[in-house]
């Protein structure tokens, strides 16, 4: 998918079942064919996709939220599960080719793919040449949650054991400004709400605009409904920022990328006759 000079690709890790305790299992997508008779989905668990994003312009390669990273560790039992490295290979890229890793936040379903444990049982950086960009307040909050063992919301939480390697090697770039441009055309914007340091990514080039939304709006089903009230850290901030962002994205005719959608993973906004947001594939005619 093109946005001006940028190529934007979603690197799917597949479908997963997320349980209320925050645990994941790989899911057979055929279960989605008959949801009404499934005894678990929607009652004890939710079905989600996990889709890291690759942004390239021929000079820089940027990964946003490298995912669970299942199969990366040398002892992993998930060798047949797609992960960030196998997906990059499809586009002829190696982990060494990634210049920046942008983390919308540090929940492990978005960030665990940043590291892996090698055959010598040593923690290694998945992207050895990259800068890892995360907000300072997100890092401090995540560390505090780990130290105090006080995860305050259900769903996927923080698992930072391997992340300390990134910090020890001074590979984090901690962001303190509400907005900052990574390279010309790629901007990180603080949205907070879901976590204290949650951020989204805005791409602008050649008159085109796109947003990578993290868990601000995790799927297309969250466009018109606020279904995150039991998960978001600051509900008022999350709802406020989401409302403003959708209005802006509609005005800009921006393409949205959803991290957790099952099928409709990207699209532009329009409004139906009930004034609800809907996704469309083509650019709107103004």
Foldseek 3Di string as FASTA:
>chain_A
DDFALKDKDWQWQAKWKAFFQADIDHDDCVCVVCVPPDPDDPNGTHMWIFTWMWIDRPPAIEIEQQFLLQLQAPPGPPVVTGGNQNSVVVVVDALQRHAEYEYLAAQNRRHVSQWYQYPVRDIDGRRNNYAYEFAPVRVVVLVVCVVVVCPPFTHGHHDCPSVVVCVVVVRYDHDDDQWDAPDVFKMWGAQAFLHNGGIKIWGHHPLAIEIEQEVLQQEPVPQFPPPCVRRTPHNVSSVVSSVVVLVVQQVSQYKYAHRIYNPCGIAGWDADPVRGIDGDHDRDDD
